[in-house]
Protein backbone atom coordinates (compact mmCIF):
# COMPACT_ATOMS: atom_id res chain seq x y z
CA MET A 1 87.75 125.92 120.76
CA ALA A 2 86.02 124.26 117.80
CA GLU A 3 86.78 125.54 114.33
CA GLU A 4 84.15 127.51 112.48
CA GLY A 5 81.66 125.35 110.57
CA ASN A 6 81.56 122.50 113.10
CA SER A 7 78.36 123.67 114.78
CA GLU A 8 76.32 120.91 116.39
CA SER A 9 73.16 122.97 115.85
CA GLU A 10 73.29 122.47 112.08
CA PRO A 11 70.75 119.76 111.16
CA ARG A 12 72.13 116.78 109.27
CA PRO A 13 70.45 115.88 105.95
CA VAL A 14 68.33 112.72 106.18
CA ILE A 15 70.10 109.57 104.94
CA LYS A 16 67.80 107.21 103.06
CA VAL A 17 68.43 103.56 103.94
CA LEU A 18 67.32 100.33 102.28
CA LEU A 19 67.22 97.29 104.61
CA VAL A 20 68.01 93.94 102.99
CA GLU A 21 67.50 91.09 105.47
CA ASP A 22 65.65 87.77 105.17
CA HIS A 23 64.58 87.53 108.83
CA ALA A 24 61.50 89.67 109.46
CA LEU A 25 62.20 90.08 113.19
CA THR A 26 65.76 91.24 112.52
CA ARG A 27 64.48 93.75 109.97
CA MET A 28 61.97 94.99 112.50
CA GLY A 29 64.68 95.39 115.15
CA LEU A 30 66.97 97.28 112.77
CA LYS A 31 64.15 99.51 111.62
CA THR A 32 63.22 100.30 115.23
CA ALA A 33 66.84 101.12 116.09
CA LEU A 34 67.25 103.38 113.06
CA LYS A 35 64.06 105.29 113.90
CA ARG A 36 65.75 106.57 117.05
CA THR A 37 67.94 108.99 115.13
CA PRO A 38 66.36 111.82 113.11
CA ASP A 39 68.94 111.90 110.30
CA ILE A 40 68.41 108.28 109.14
CA SER A 41 65.21 107.07 107.47
CA VAL A 42 64.38 103.52 106.31
CA ILE A 43 62.72 103.99 102.93
CA GLY A 44 62.38 100.34 101.93
CA GLU A 45 62.93 96.70 102.83
CA ALA A 46 63.89 93.57 100.89
CA ALA A 47 63.88 89.94 102.04
CA ASN A 48 66.71 88.72 99.78
CA GLY A 49 69.40 89.93 97.42
CA GLU A 50 67.31 89.50 94.30
CA GLU A 51 64.59 91.78 95.69
CA SER A 52 67.21 94.42 96.56
CA VAL A 53 68.59 94.39 93.01
CA SER A 54 65.06 94.84 91.65
CA CYS A 55 64.02 97.73 93.88
CA VAL A 56 67.21 99.73 94.39
CA ASP A 57 66.79 101.93 91.30
CA ASP A 58 63.19 102.82 92.16
CA LEU A 59 63.95 103.59 95.82
CA ASN A 60 67.33 105.25 95.18
CA PRO A 61 68.69 104.81 98.75
CA ASP A 62 71.75 106.66 99.97
CA VAL A 63 72.98 103.59 101.89
CA ILE A 64 72.03 99.91 101.64
CA LEU A 65 72.29 97.69 104.74
CA MET A 66 72.86 94.26 103.19
CA ASP A 67 72.75 90.92 105.00
CA VAL A 68 75.40 88.49 103.75
CA GLY A 69 73.64 85.12 104.10
CA MET A 70 70.22 85.10 102.42
CA PRO A 71 68.16 82.71 100.28
CA VAL A 72 67.56 83.18 96.52
CA MET A 73 70.57 85.52 96.18
CA ASP A 74 73.09 86.24 98.94
CA GLY A 75 74.30 89.69 99.85
CA ILE A 76 77.68 89.37 98.15
CA GLN A 77 76.10 88.46 94.80
CA ALA A 78 73.55 91.24 95.18
CA THR A 79 76.31 93.75 95.99
CA ARG A 80 78.20 92.80 92.83
CA LYS A 81 75.06 93.19 90.69
CA ILE A 82 74.06 96.51 92.22
CA LEU A 83 77.55 98.03 91.93
CA ALA A 84 78.04 96.68 88.40
CA LYS A 85 75.02 98.77 87.38
CA SER A 86 75.55 101.71 89.76
CA PRO A 87 79.19 101.86 90.97
CA THR A 88 78.57 104.80 93.31
CA ARG A 89 76.02 102.99 95.50
CA LYS A 90 77.02 102.78 99.18
CA ILE A 91 76.58 99.31 100.72
CA ILE A 92 77.27 98.14 104.28
CA MET A 93 77.35 94.38 104.83
CA LEU A 94 75.54 93.53 108.06
CA THR A 95 75.99 89.98 109.34
CA GLN A 96 76.42 87.87 112.44
CA HIS A 97 79.40 86.08 110.90
CA ASP A 98 82.96 87.38 111.12
CA ASN A 99 84.76 84.71 109.10
CA ASP A 100 87.57 85.87 106.84
CA ARG A 101 86.00 84.46 103.67
CA ASP A 102 82.83 86.56 103.97
CA ILE A 103 84.76 89.67 105.04
CA LEU A 104 87.20 89.59 102.14
CA ALA A 105 84.54 88.52 99.62
CA SER A 106 82.33 91.42 100.69
CA LEU A 107 85.14 93.95 100.35
CA ALA A 108 86.18 92.44 97.02
CA ALA A 109 82.58 92.81 95.81
CA GLY A 110 82.85 96.54 96.48
CA ALA A 111 81.06 96.97 99.82
CA SER A 112 81.90 100.22 101.61
CA GLY A 113 81.50 98.76 105.10
CA TYR A 114 81.18 95.57 107.13
CA CYS A 115 79.34 95.49 110.47
CA LEU A 116 78.36 92.67 112.80
CA LYS A 117 74.68 92.47 113.74
CA ASP A 118 75.49 92.86 117.44
CA VAL A 119 76.94 96.32 116.76
CA ALA A 120 75.76 98.98 119.21
CA PRO A 121 73.10 101.29 117.69
CA ASP A 122 75.31 104.38 118.02
CA ARG A 123 78.12 102.62 116.13
CA LEU A 124 75.68 101.56 113.41
CA TYR A 125 74.51 105.18 113.05
CA THR A 126 78.14 106.27 112.76
CA ALA A 127 78.85 103.58 110.16
CA ILE A 128 75.90 104.71 108.04
CA ARG A 129 76.91 108.36 108.28
CA ALA A 130 80.54 107.58 107.48
CA VAL A 131 79.73 105.45 104.42
CA ASN A 132 77.20 108.01 103.21
CA ALA A 133 79.95 110.66 103.43
CA GLY A 134 82.23 108.55 101.24
CA ASP A 135 84.34 106.83 103.89
CA ALA A 136 84.90 103.10 104.33
CA TRP A 137 83.77 101.50 107.58
CA LEU A 138 84.89 98.32 109.35
CA ASP A 139 84.10 97.17 112.89
CA ALA A 140 87.26 97.30 115.01
CA SER A 141 87.46 93.49 115.20
CA ILE A 142 86.89 93.21 111.44
CA ALA A 143 89.54 95.84 110.71
CA GLY A 144 92.02 93.81 112.75
CA ARG A 145 91.30 90.73 110.63
CA VAL A 146 91.73 92.68 107.39
CA LEU A 147 95.01 94.21 108.56
CA LYS A 148 96.26 90.77 109.64
CA HIS A 149 95.30 89.33 106.26
CA TYR A 150 97.30 91.92 104.33
CA SER A 151 100.15 91.71 106.83
CA ASP A 152 100.31 87.93 106.40
CA GLU A 153 100.19 88.24 102.61
CA ALA A 154 102.97 90.82 102.66
CA ARG A 155 105.10 88.59 104.90
CA MET A 156 104.53 85.61 102.58
CA ALA A 157 105.52 87.76 99.61
CA SER A 158 108.68 88.80 101.42
CA ASP A 159 109.53 85.17 102.18
CA GLU A 160 108.99 84.28 98.52
CA GLU A 161 111.33 87.07 97.43
CA ILE A 162 114.00 85.83 99.84
CA GLN A 163 113.61 82.28 98.54
CA LYS A 164 113.85 83.47 94.92
CA SER A 165 116.99 85.45 95.69
CA GLU A 166 118.63 82.23 96.90
CA GLU A 167 117.78 80.30 93.70
CA PRO A 168 120.39 79.96 90.92
CA ALA A 169 120.24 82.78 88.40
CA VAL A 170 118.29 81.99 85.21
CA PRO A 171 118.91 83.87 81.98
CA PRO A 172 116.10 86.35 81.25
CA LYS A 173 114.97 84.56 78.09
CA ALA A 174 114.79 81.17 79.81
CA LYS A 175 111.60 82.03 81.65
CA GLU A 176 109.15 84.90 81.90
CA ALA A 177 109.02 87.01 85.04
CA PRO A 178 105.86 86.18 87.05
CA ALA A 179 103.21 88.88 87.29
CA LYS A 180 102.96 90.74 90.60
CA ASN A 181 100.46 89.13 92.91
CA ARG A 182 98.28 90.94 95.41
CA ALA A 183 100.61 90.11 98.30
CA ALA A 184 103.61 91.60 96.51
CA GLU A 185 101.60 94.74 95.82
CA ALA A 186 100.72 94.94 99.52
CA GLN A 187 104.44 94.70 100.37
CA ASP A 188 105.17 97.45 97.82
CA VAL A 189 102.72 99.71 99.65
CA ILE A 190 104.33 99.00 103.02
CA ASP A 191 107.90 99.48 101.76
CA ARG A 192 107.15 102.55 99.67
CA PRO A 193 109.18 105.57 100.89
CA PHE A 194 107.44 108.61 102.36
CA ALA A 195 106.86 111.51 100.01
CA GLU A 196 107.43 113.78 103.03
CA PRO A 197 107.24 113.36 106.83
CA LEU A 198 103.92 113.58 108.65
CA SER A 199 103.25 116.52 110.94
CA ALA A 200 102.41 116.03 114.63
CA ARG A 201 98.72 116.62 113.90
CA GLU A 202 98.77 114.18 110.99
CA LEU A 203 100.28 111.53 113.26
CA GLU A 204 97.40 112.13 115.69
CA VAL A 205 94.90 111.65 112.87
CA LEU A 206 96.73 108.54 111.62
CA LYS A 207 96.45 106.94 115.07
CA LEU A 208 92.70 107.58 115.04
CA ILE A 209 92.46 106.03 111.56
CA VAL A 210 94.19 102.91 112.91
CA ASP A 211 91.69 102.93 115.79
CA GLY A 212 88.88 102.74 113.21
CA LEU A 213 87.40 106.23 113.64
CA SER A 214 85.51 107.88 110.79
CA ASN A 215 86.29 111.40 109.56
CA GLN A 216 83.42 112.80 111.64
CA GLU A 217 84.62 110.99 114.77
CA ILE A 218 88.16 112.27 114.16
CA ALA A 219 86.79 115.80 113.85
CA ASP A 220 84.83 115.42 117.09
CA LYS A 221 87.78 113.86 118.92
CA LEU A 222 90.26 116.57 117.90
CA ILE A 223 87.67 119.40 118.07
CA ILE A 224 88.17 120.40 114.44
CA SER A 225 85.78 120.77 111.52
CA LEU A 226 84.86 117.80 109.32
CA ALA A 227 86.46 119.55 106.33
CA THR A 228 89.74 119.90 108.24
CA ALA A 229 89.65 116.24 109.26
CA LYS A 230 89.12 115.21 105.62
CA THR A 231 92.04 117.41 104.56
CA HIS A 232 94.33 115.77 107.13
CA VAL A 233 93.27 112.29 105.96
CA ARG A 234 93.84 113.21 102.32
CA ASN A 235 97.30 114.64 103.13
CA ILE A 236 98.20 111.48 105.06
CA LEU A 237 97.23 109.25 102.12
CA ASN A 238 99.27 111.44 99.78
CA LYS A 239 102.33 111.51 102.03
CA LEU A 240 102.25 107.75 102.64
CA ALA A 241 101.62 107.19 98.92
CA VAL A 242 98.67 104.87 99.61
CA ASP A 243 95.19 104.66 98.10
CA ASP A 244 92.90 104.25 101.10
CA ARG A 245 92.58 104.27 104.89
CA THR A 246 93.18 100.51 105.25
CA GLN A 247 96.51 100.76 103.45
CA ALA A 248 97.39 103.78 105.59
CA ALA A 249 96.63 101.76 108.75
CA VAL A 250 98.73 98.83 107.52
CA HIS A 251 101.55 101.23 106.67
CA ALA A 252 101.39 102.88 110.10
CA MET A 253 101.39 99.63 112.04
CA ARG A 254 104.17 97.98 110.04
CA ARG A 255 106.41 101.06 110.23
CA GLY A 256 105.70 101.72 113.89
CA LEU A 257 104.28 105.18 113.24
CA VAL A 258 101.60 104.77 115.92
């Protein structure tokens, strides 16, 4: 039986979307797809990153669908400029490319999501809703690449630590200790001890996080309210001592929790 407050009859508020895409036919196809769902409305279009930077304040969209490769200014540059001015803007990178450079550059620029253009309409709707609600969103294949990237970096950091431990000891004043790099920080996250064990329900939720489900999808899957799903996710992050869902997924996979 569903928990109180998870009624499907409650209308969702309309999410205002700005489309940023240089190909007119692709924009038309996206706009047509988004018209099929009543809670998403396309309020504006831009043909390149520079146009999106210029119009975003006037249109005030809830979510921006941003193409990566565009003339004049690409989507990654535009994302940096938009978020530098308005850090709370929600941006989903939408592209036909799944190369690691674009994925990591987009996430580093502050994008909240990354979708391929061949994504099924229902998954795109879910991505928009999830990002609008404050979640991060990655296609399943993209999430796998990101997890592999951090896993590889952590493994390299571990190998470096082993190699350093085999080097002759050097007096502290002879050289300065190197600053922690990103890979070492990733390893710290993975090796960090649990604050307290996860409950059976939290393990269920963690598995769904690893599978790439949003909070709303987790709520639907487990027949619980969205608020309860968010509470479970927050408790999992606290117990694993991590900052976000990606780190939680890395942690789970490396420790064999799922």
